[in-house]
């Protein structure tokens, strides 16, 4: 292969000589840069450079894509980096290793998956990005994503499905924070865009709750309904314990101490990630005795129709609606809390502890470590007694 311009002054080439260089050979410029023309007509920019004492050659692209000026700028940048002890070859490999947004999102998903509460949350993370984000910016290198790209994803859904849009924005931000940690970018384009998005007025949502005086009537209607025994028992148990739907539906016999009349819910099943002891009233214990007949070997107290699977949240909600009660299942906690406030003299912290709510600031909680269990037992017995008397009164009046 012929070598052109054996002397190698800086900027020996011109745009015209590069364009006219068709004969196979090497056409030298400065800083180790030369244009290589192969016998088959292929043309490449090559830079000879010494990196940490080792001579090597770097490819800088084809003249059709990289101009002479761009090749010179890159060659000078590489030489400065090498003289400072850096490795342009490694920097190039790292640049090529940067993932697309979709690749980065899937990587983040796999990293975070073990920490999510359940598979549903893990699936939702990817599902929203696959639906709304990947089609518009999934192929962009993660370092090339701009605020405009994020806005392009969010604007069409920001006012129509605001809750989903908010989650999409949050999940894009999670991917970007990971990219920042990798050193692939300096900023998070999902942040600081609130002013560019339309304002949405969001009215607070309150769970529908029955007045506490009507709860006993609801339980009576549930007992008389054609629902399955597991559903009937679970719903009454939920009311008596003021527990959340998921805590009751996924309750396991291993959590129940019938002799001590205590149900201890482990921290991983609690919203606040703190274990919670629930005192069981005599009626709650009687419900558990009935539930023993439902044991399918799965360990679930209230099994669903499919072996080994708990009741679904929809099963309880559907029953309440079919019986024409204007209430959400979660609303029975509100009914209990209102009863405790209006019909008893138990302190606020006792009622809040029954709901597994945190009260007071961090300093107060550090000193008040008791879960006021015995006071809660008396309160839950009083709640069960109130429901029983109200139910009996309704039967008498009926």
Protein backbone atom coordinates (compact mmCIF):
# COMPACT_ATOMS: atom_id res chain seq x y z
CA UNK A 1 0.00 0.00 0.00
CA UNK A 2 1.43 3.35 -1.01
CA UNK A 3 2.14 6.05 1.55
CA UNK A 4 1.37 9.60 0.55
CA UNK A 5 3.25 12.56 2.05
CA UNK A 6 6.02 10.83 3.94
CA UNK A 7 6.70 14.08 5.77
CA UNK A 8 3.83 14.61 8.13
CA UNK A 9 3.20 18.27 8.82
CA UNK A 10 0.17 19.19 10.86
CA UNK A 11 -2.92 19.69 8.64
CA UNK A 12 -1.28 18.28 5.53
CA UNK A 13 -4.65 17.29 4.06
CA UNK A 14 -7.42 19.48 2.68
CA UNK A 15 -11.08 18.69 2.15
CA UNK A 16 -10.39 18.57 -1.59
CA UNK A 17 -7.47 16.11 -1.33
CA UNK A 18 -9.60 13.87 0.91
CA UNK A 19 -12.38 13.91 -1.65
CA UNK A 20 -9.95 13.16 -4.49
CA UNK A 21 -8.04 10.43 -2.66
CA UNK A 22 -9.15 7.24 -4.41
CA UNK A 23 -5.86 5.41 -4.98
CA UNK A 24 -5.17 2.72 -2.37
CA UNK A 25 -2.77 3.95 0.29
CA UNK A 26 -2.37 6.05 3.42
CA UNK A 27 -2.86 9.82 3.31
CA UNK A 28 -1.32 11.39 6.40
CA UNK A 29 -2.39 14.49 8.29
CA UNK A 30 -1.22 15.56 11.79
CA UNK A 31 -1.42 14.02 15.31
CA UNK A 32 -1.10 10.52 13.86
CA UNK A 33 -4.24 10.94 11.76
CA UNK A 34 -4.36 9.48 8.27
CA UNK A 35 -6.90 8.49 5.66
CA UNK A 36 -6.66 4.85 4.61
CA UNK A 37 -7.97 3.88 1.19
CA UNK A 38 -8.28 0.14 0.56
CA UNK A 39 -8.08 -1.66 -2.80
CA UNK A 40 -11.84 -2.26 -2.73
CA UNK A 41 -12.46 1.49 -2.46
CA UNK A 42 -13.28 1.55 1.28
CA UNK A 43 -12.02 4.69 3.05
CA UNK A 44 -11.41 5.12 6.79
CA UNK A 45 -9.94 7.63 9.19
CA UNK A 46 -7.23 6.00 11.32
CA UNK A 47 -5.15 7.47 14.15
CA UNK A 48 -1.80 6.08 15.23
CA UNK A 49 -1.34 6.79 18.89
CA UNK A 50 0.66 5.65 21.92
CA UNK A 51 -1.56 4.78 24.87
CA UNK A 52 0.22 4.11 28.16
CA UNK A 53 3.43 3.14 26.34
CA UNK A 54 1.74 0.90 23.79
CA UNK A 55 1.42 1.90 20.12
CA UNK A 56 -1.98 1.18 18.58
CA UNK A 57 -4.38 2.41 15.90
CA UNK A 58 -7.87 3.82 16.47
CA UNK A 59 -10.62 3.89 13.85
CA UNK A 60 -12.41 7.26 13.70
CA UNK A 61 -15.04 6.48 11.05
CA UNK A 62 -15.48 6.94 7.30
CA UNK A 63 -14.99 10.30 5.52
CA UNK A 64 -18.57 10.05 4.26
CA UNK A 65 -19.74 10.39 7.88
CA UNK A 66 -16.81 12.13 9.59
CA UNK A 67 -15.41 15.26 7.98
CA UNK A 68 -11.71 16.15 7.95
CA UNK A 69 -12.31 18.83 10.59
CA UNK A 70 -14.18 16.35 12.84
CA UNK A 71 -11.49 13.71 12.43
CA UNK A 72 -8.79 16.25 13.33
CA UNK A 73 -10.72 17.41 16.41
CA UNK A 74 -11.17 13.82 17.59
CA UNK A 75 -7.51 12.97 16.93
CA UNK A 76 -6.40 16.00 18.95
CA UNK A 77 -8.78 15.09 21.78
CA UNK A 78 -7.46 11.51 21.83
CA UNK A 79 -3.86 12.68 21.87
CA UNK A 80 -4.48 15.06 24.78
CA UNK A 81 -6.23 12.31 26.72
CA UNK A 82 -3.40 9.83 26.06
CA UNK A 83 -0.72 12.38 27.06
CA UNK A 84 -2.61 12.93 30.34
CA UNK A 85 -2.49 9.21 31.08
CA UNK A 86 -6.01 8.41 29.87
CA UNK A 87 -7.14 5.67 27.51
CA UNK A 88 -9.09 6.86 24.43
CA UNK A 89 -9.68 3.23 23.46
CA UNK A 90 -11.41 2.51 26.75
CA UNK A 91 -13.43 5.72 26.49
CA UNK A 92 -14.58 4.61 23.04
CA UNK A 93 -15.58 1.18 24.32
CA UNK A 94 -17.52 2.76 27.19
CA UNK A 95 -19.33 5.11 24.80
CA UNK A 96 -20.33 2.18 22.64
CA UNK A 97 -21.52 0.28 25.73
CA UNK A 98 -24.12 2.90 26.70
CA UNK A 99 -27.57 1.34 26.52
CA UNK A 100 -30.69 2.56 24.78
CA UNK A 101 -33.48 3.79 27.05
CA UNK A 102 -35.38 0.53 26.60
CA UNK A 103 -32.30 -1.57 27.38
CA UNK A 104 -31.57 0.57 30.45
CA UNK A 105 -35.20 0.34 31.61
CA UNK A 106 -35.18 -3.45 31.36
CA UNK A 107 -31.88 -3.55 33.24
CA UNK A 108 -33.29 -1.33 36.01
CA UNK A 109 -36.40 -3.52 36.14
CA UNK A 110 -34.32 -6.67 36.66
CA UNK A 111 -32.24 -4.96 39.36
CA UNK A 112 -35.27 -3.65 41.28
CA UNK A 113 -37.53 -6.67 40.81
CA UNK A 114 -36.41 -8.48 44.00
CA UNK A 115 -37.29 -5.39 46.08
CA UNK A 116 -40.87 -4.91 44.87
CA UNK A 117 -43.76 -6.02 47.10
CA UNK A 118 -45.19 -8.44 44.56
CA UNK A 119 -45.01 -9.50 40.93
CA UNK A 120 -47.89 -7.18 40.03
CA UNK A 121 -45.84 -4.08 40.90
CA UNK A 122 -42.86 -5.43 38.97
CA UNK A 123 -45.01 -6.12 35.91
CA UNK A 124 -46.64 -2.66 36.06
CA UNK A 125 -43.24 -0.95 35.95
CA UNK A 126 -42.45 -2.45 32.54
CA UNK A 127 -46.03 -2.47 31.22
CA UNK A 128 -46.45 1.31 31.42
CA UNK A 129 -43.07 1.95 29.82
CA UNK A 130 -43.77 -0.57 27.04
CA UNK A 131 -47.11 1.07 26.30
CA UNK A 132 -46.26 4.77 26.50
CA UNK A 133 -42.48 5.26 26.48
CA UNK A 134 -40.62 2.66 24.42
CA UNK A 135 -42.51 3.44 21.17
CA UNK A 136 -41.37 7.10 21.36
CA UNK A 137 -37.93 7.03 22.93
CA UNK A 138 -37.01 3.40 23.57
CA UNK A 139 -34.34 3.34 20.84
CA UNK A 140 -32.61 6.54 21.94
CA UNK A 141 -29.30 6.11 23.73
CA UNK A 142 -30.02 6.82 27.37
CA UNK A 143 -27.57 9.74 27.38
CA UNK A 144 -29.32 11.32 24.39
CA UNK A 145 -32.81 11.50 25.95
CA UNK A 146 -33.89 15.12 26.40
CA UNK A 147 -36.61 16.91 28.34
CA UNK A 148 -38.44 17.34 25.03
CA UNK A 149 -38.47 13.55 24.57
CA UNK A 150 -39.95 13.04 28.04
CA UNK A 151 -42.57 15.72 27.40
CA UNK A 152 -43.41 14.02 24.11
CA UNK A 153 -44.30 10.89 26.08
CA UNK A 154 -46.22 12.63 28.87
CA UNK A 155 -48.19 15.39 27.13
CA UNK A 156 -50.70 13.10 25.32
CA UNK A 157 -51.64 11.32 28.57
CA UNK A 158 -51.07 13.96 31.25
CA UNK A 159 -54.68 15.16 31.45
CA UNK A 160 -56.50 12.07 30.16
CA UNK A 161 -54.95 9.47 32.48
CA UNK A 162 -53.07 11.61 35.01
CA UNK A 163 -52.34 8.87 37.55
CA UNK A 164 -50.78 6.63 34.90
CA UNK A 165 -48.86 9.61 33.45
CA UNK A 166 -47.48 10.43 36.88
CA UNK A 167 -46.25 6.86 37.27
CA UNK A 168 -44.70 6.88 33.79
CA UNK A 169 -42.81 10.05 34.67
CA UNK A 170 -41.64 8.52 37.95
CA UNK A 171 -40.44 5.37 36.19
CA UNK A 172 -38.59 7.31 33.49
CA UNK A 173 -36.92 9.23 36.32
CA UNK A 174 -35.88 5.98 38.01
CA UNK A 175 -34.15 4.82 34.81
CA UNK A 176 -32.44 8.19 34.41
CA UNK A 177 -31.16 8.16 38.00
CA UNK A 178 -29.57 4.79 37.29
CA UNK A 179 -27.99 6.18 34.10
CA UNK A 180 -26.55 9.08 36.12
CA UNK A 181 -25.09 6.58 38.59
CA UNK A 182 -23.44 4.79 35.65
CA UNK A 183 -21.79 8.06 34.63
CA UNK A 184 -23.67 8.15 31.32
CA UNK A 185 -25.36 11.51 31.90
CA UNK A 186 -25.37 14.39 34.36
CA UNK A 187 -29.06 15.32 34.56
CA UNK A 188 -32.50 13.76 34.94
CA UNK A 189 -34.80 15.04 32.16
CA UNK A 190 -37.87 13.73 33.98
CA UNK A 191 -37.33 16.33 36.71
CA UNK A 192 -37.98 20.05 36.56
CA UNK A 193 -40.62 19.76 33.84
CA UNK A 194 -43.66 20.49 35.98
CA UNK A 195 -44.04 24.01 34.57
CA UNK A 196 -44.21 22.62 31.06
CA UNK A 197 -47.07 20.26 31.96
CA UNK A 198 -50.72 21.33 32.34
CA UNK A 199 -51.89 21.70 35.94
CA UNK A 200 -54.37 19.09 37.07
CA UNK A 201 -56.70 19.80 39.95
CA UNK A 202 -57.06 16.61 41.91
CA UNK A 203 -59.91 16.29 44.35
CA UNK A 204 -59.07 14.10 47.33
CA UNK A 205 -60.57 10.64 47.11
CA UNK A 206 -62.28 9.29 50.22
CA UNK A 207 -63.21 5.66 50.59
CA UNK A 208 -66.95 5.25 50.97
CA UNK A 209 -67.83 4.13 54.47
CA UNK A 210 -71.07 3.10 56.16
CA UNK A 211 -72.19 4.93 59.28
CA UNK A 212 -71.13 2.67 62.16
CA UNK A 213 -74.78 2.14 63.14
CA UNK A 214 -75.36 0.42 59.76
CA UNK A 215 -72.38 -1.94 59.86
CA UNK A 216 -74.18 -4.65 61.84
CA UNK A 217 -77.00 -4.64 59.27
CA UNK A 218 -74.45 -5.12 56.52
CA UNK A 219 -72.93 -8.11 58.34
CA UNK A 220 -76.42 -9.59 58.75
CA UNK A 221 -77.05 -9.19 55.03
CA UNK A 222 -73.71 -10.83 54.23
CA UNK A 223 -74.57 -13.82 56.42
CA UNK A 224 -77.93 -14.22 54.67
CA UNK A 225 -76.44 -13.88 51.17
CA UNK A 226 -75.60 -16.69 48.79
CA UNK A 227 -71.87 -15.93 48.95
CA UNK A 228 -69.38 -18.68 49.73
CA UNK A 229 -68.59 -19.41 53.38
CA UNK A 230 -64.98 -18.22 53.01
CA UNK A 231 -66.17 -14.85 51.67
CA UNK A 232 -68.76 -14.40 54.44
CA UNK A 233 -66.32 -15.26 57.22
CA UNK A 234 -63.51 -13.12 55.77
CA UNK A 235 -65.73 -10.04 55.50
CA UNK A 236 -67.02 -10.29 59.07
CA UNK A 237 -63.51 -11.00 60.36
CA UNK A 238 -62.28 -7.89 58.48
CA UNK A 239 -64.93 -5.73 60.17
CA UNK A 240 -64.24 -7.15 63.65
CA UNK A 241 -60.47 -6.66 63.40
CA UNK A 242 -60.52 -3.31 61.48
CA UNK A 243 -57.81 -4.81 59.28
CA UNK A 244 -57.07 -4.08 55.62
CA UNK A 245 -58.48 -6.32 52.92
CA UNK A 246 -55.13 -7.76 51.86
CA UNK A 247 -54.13 -8.51 55.46
CA UNK A 248 -57.31 -10.56 55.98
CA UNK A 249 -57.47 -12.26 52.58
CA UNK A 250 -53.86 -13.44 52.83
CA UNK A 251 -54.01 -14.34 56.55
CA UNK A 252 -52.32 -17.65 57.35
CA UNK A 253 -52.92 -20.10 60.17
CA UNK A 254 -49.26 -19.75 61.16
CA UNK A 255 -50.04 -16.14 62.18
CA UNK A 256 -52.93 -17.13 64.46
CA UNK A 257 -52.58 -17.95 68.16
CA UNK A 258 -56.02 -19.23 69.14
CA UNK A 259 -55.02 -19.97 72.73
CA UNK A 260 -53.78 -16.43 73.24
CA UNK A 261 -56.52 -14.96 71.01
CA UNK A 262 -53.94 -13.02 68.98
CA UNK A 263 -53.32 -12.61 65.26
CA UNK A 264 -49.78 -11.42 64.50
CA UNK A 265 -49.34 -10.08 60.98
CA UNK A 266 -45.69 -10.15 59.85
CA UNK A 267 -44.01 -6.94 58.73
CA UNK A 268 -43.75 -7.97 55.06
CA UNK A 269 -47.55 -8.04 54.79
CA UNK A 270 -48.10 -4.69 56.49
CA UNK A 271 -48.34 -1.36 54.69
CA UNK A 272 -45.94 0.30 57.14
CA UNK A 273 -43.58 -2.72 57.10
CA UNK A 274 -43.98 -3.19 60.88
CA UNK A 275 -45.39 -6.36 62.39
CA UNK A 276 -48.84 -5.82 63.90
CA UNK A 277 -50.59 -7.71 66.70
CA UNK A 278 -54.37 -7.88 66.52
CA UNK A 279 -56.38 -8.86 69.62
CA UNK A 280 -59.17 -11.28 68.70
CA UNK A 281 -62.62 -10.85 70.21
CA UNK A 282 -64.62 -13.97 71.12
CA UNK A 283 -66.66 -13.56 67.91
CA UNK A 284 -63.46 -13.32 65.82
CA UNK A 285 -62.21 -16.54 67.45
CA UNK A 286 -65.54 -18.20 66.65
CA UNK A 287 -65.16 -17.19 63.00
CA UNK A 288 -61.72 -18.79 62.91
CA UNK A 289 -63.18 -21.99 64.37
CA UNK A 290 -65.66 -22.06 61.46
CA UNK A 291 -62.88 -21.31 58.99
CA UNK A 292 -61.02 -24.48 60.05
CA UNK A 293 -63.50 -26.42 57.92
CA UNK A 294 -62.22 -24.55 54.83
CA UNK A 295 -58.58 -25.63 55.28
CA UNK A 296 -57.30 -26.78 51.87
CA UNK A 297 -53.76 -27.46 53.03
CA UNK A 298 -52.42 -24.14 51.71
CA UNK A 299 -52.17 -22.55 55.14
CA UNK A 300 -54.59 -19.76 54.15
CA UNK A 301 -57.32 -18.96 56.67
CA UNK A 302 -59.74 -17.79 53.99
CA UNK A 303 -58.86 -19.67 50.79
CA UNK A 304 -60.34 -18.68 47.44
CA UNK A 305 -62.05 -20.96 44.94
CA UNK A 306 -58.70 -21.97 43.45
CA UNK A 307 -56.65 -24.21 45.70
CA UNK A 308 -53.74 -22.42 47.28
CA UNK A 309 -54.99 -18.98 46.22
CA UNK A 310 -56.50 -16.38 48.59
CA UNK A 311 -59.81 -14.65 48.01
CA UNK A 312 -59.56 -11.78 45.56
CA UNK A 313 -60.19 -8.20 46.65
CA UNK A 314 -62.87 -8.00 43.96
CA UNK A 315 -64.79 -10.87 45.59
CA UNK A 316 -65.34 -8.87 48.79
CA UNK A 317 -66.04 -5.59 46.99
CA UNK A 318 -68.49 -7.22 44.60
CA UNK A 319 -70.47 -8.78 47.45
CA UNK A 320 -70.91 -5.43 49.22
CA UNK A 321 -72.11 -3.78 46.01
CA UNK A 322 -74.46 -6.64 45.13
CA UNK A 323 -76.08 -6.23 48.55
CA UNK A 324 -76.66 -2.53 47.69
CA UNK A 325 -74.45 -1.06 50.42
CA UNK A 326 -72.77 2.20 49.39
CA UNK A 327 -69.41 1.37 50.88
CA UNK A 328 -65.91 0.24 50.00
CA UNK A 329 -64.38 -2.69 51.88
CA UNK A 330 -61.62 -0.38 53.15
CA UNK A 331 -64.36 1.92 54.47
CA UNK A 332 -65.14 -0.42 57.37
CA UNK A 333 -61.94 0.82 58.98
CA UNK A 334 -63.41 4.32 58.84
CA UNK A 335 -66.68 3.06 60.36
CA UNK A 336 -64.73 1.53 63.25
CA UNK A 337 -62.62 4.68 63.73
CA UNK A 338 -65.68 6.92 63.83
CA UNK A 339 -67.38 4.60 66.35
CA UNK A 340 -64.29 4.68 68.57
CA UNK A 341 -64.23 8.48 68.43
CA UNK A 342 -67.93 9.09 69.00
CA UNK A 343 -69.05 6.21 71.19
CA UNK A 344 -66.04 5.42 73.38
CA UNK A 345 -63.57 7.22 75.60
CA UNK A 346 -60.49 5.38 74.33
CA UNK A 347 -57.58 7.75 73.58
CA UNK A 348 -56.79 8.58 69.98
CA UNK A 349 -53.48 6.67 70.03
CA UNK A 350 -55.30 3.46 71.00
CA UNK A 351 -57.73 3.69 68.08
CA UNK A 352 -54.91 4.62 65.70
CA UNK A 353 -52.82 1.70 66.94
CA UNK A 354 -55.75 -0.62 66.18
CA UNK A 355 -55.55 0.59 62.57
CA UNK A 356 -51.75 0.11 62.54
CA UNK A 357 -51.27 3.83 61.99
CA UNK A 358 -48.18 5.67 63.21
CA UNK A 359 -48.93 8.57 65.55
CA UNK A 360 -46.78 11.43 66.84
CA UNK A 361 -43.41 12.55 65.54
CA UNK A 362 -40.28 10.40 65.40
CA UNK A 363 -39.13 11.50 68.89
CA UNK A 364 -42.49 10.68 70.46
CA UNK A 365 -42.54 7.26 68.74
CA UNK A 366 -39.01 6.54 69.97
CA UNK A 367 -40.20 6.77 73.59
CA UNK A 368 -43.72 5.36 73.19
CA UNK A 369 -42.78 1.83 72.16
CA UNK A 370 -45.85 0.05 73.58
CA UNK A 371 -48.53 -1.09 71.14
CA UNK A 372 -51.16 -0.54 73.91
CA UNK A 373 -52.27 -4.10 73.23
CA UNK A 374 -54.38 -4.72 76.34
CA UNK A 375 -56.26 -1.44 75.87
CA UNK A 376 -56.84 -2.40 72.26
CA UNK A 377 -58.16 -5.81 73.31
CA UNK A 378 -60.80 -4.15 75.50
CA UNK A 379 -61.66 -1.76 72.66
CA UNK A 380 -62.01 -4.52 70.04
CA UNK A 381 -64.17 -6.57 72.43
CA UNK A 382 -66.36 -3.47 72.86
CA UNK A 383 -66.60 -3.07 69.05
CA UNK A 384 -67.67 -6.72 68.64
CA UNK A 385 -70.19 -6.32 71.46
CA UNK A 386 -71.61 -3.15 69.87
CA UNK A 387 -72.05 -4.93 66.53
CA UNK A 388 -73.68 -7.95 68.17
CA UNK A 389 -76.16 -5.82 70.14
CA UNK A 390 -76.98 -3.67 67.10
CA UNK A 391 -77.50 -6.76 64.99
CA UNK A 392 -79.79 -8.30 67.61
CA UNK A 393 -81.77 -5.08 67.88
CA UNK A 394 -82.26 -5.00 64.09
CA UNK A 395 -83.49 -8.60 64.11
CA UNK A 396 -85.95 -7.77 66.89
CA UNK A 397 -87.21 -4.66 65.10
CA UNK A 398 -87.40 -6.57 61.82
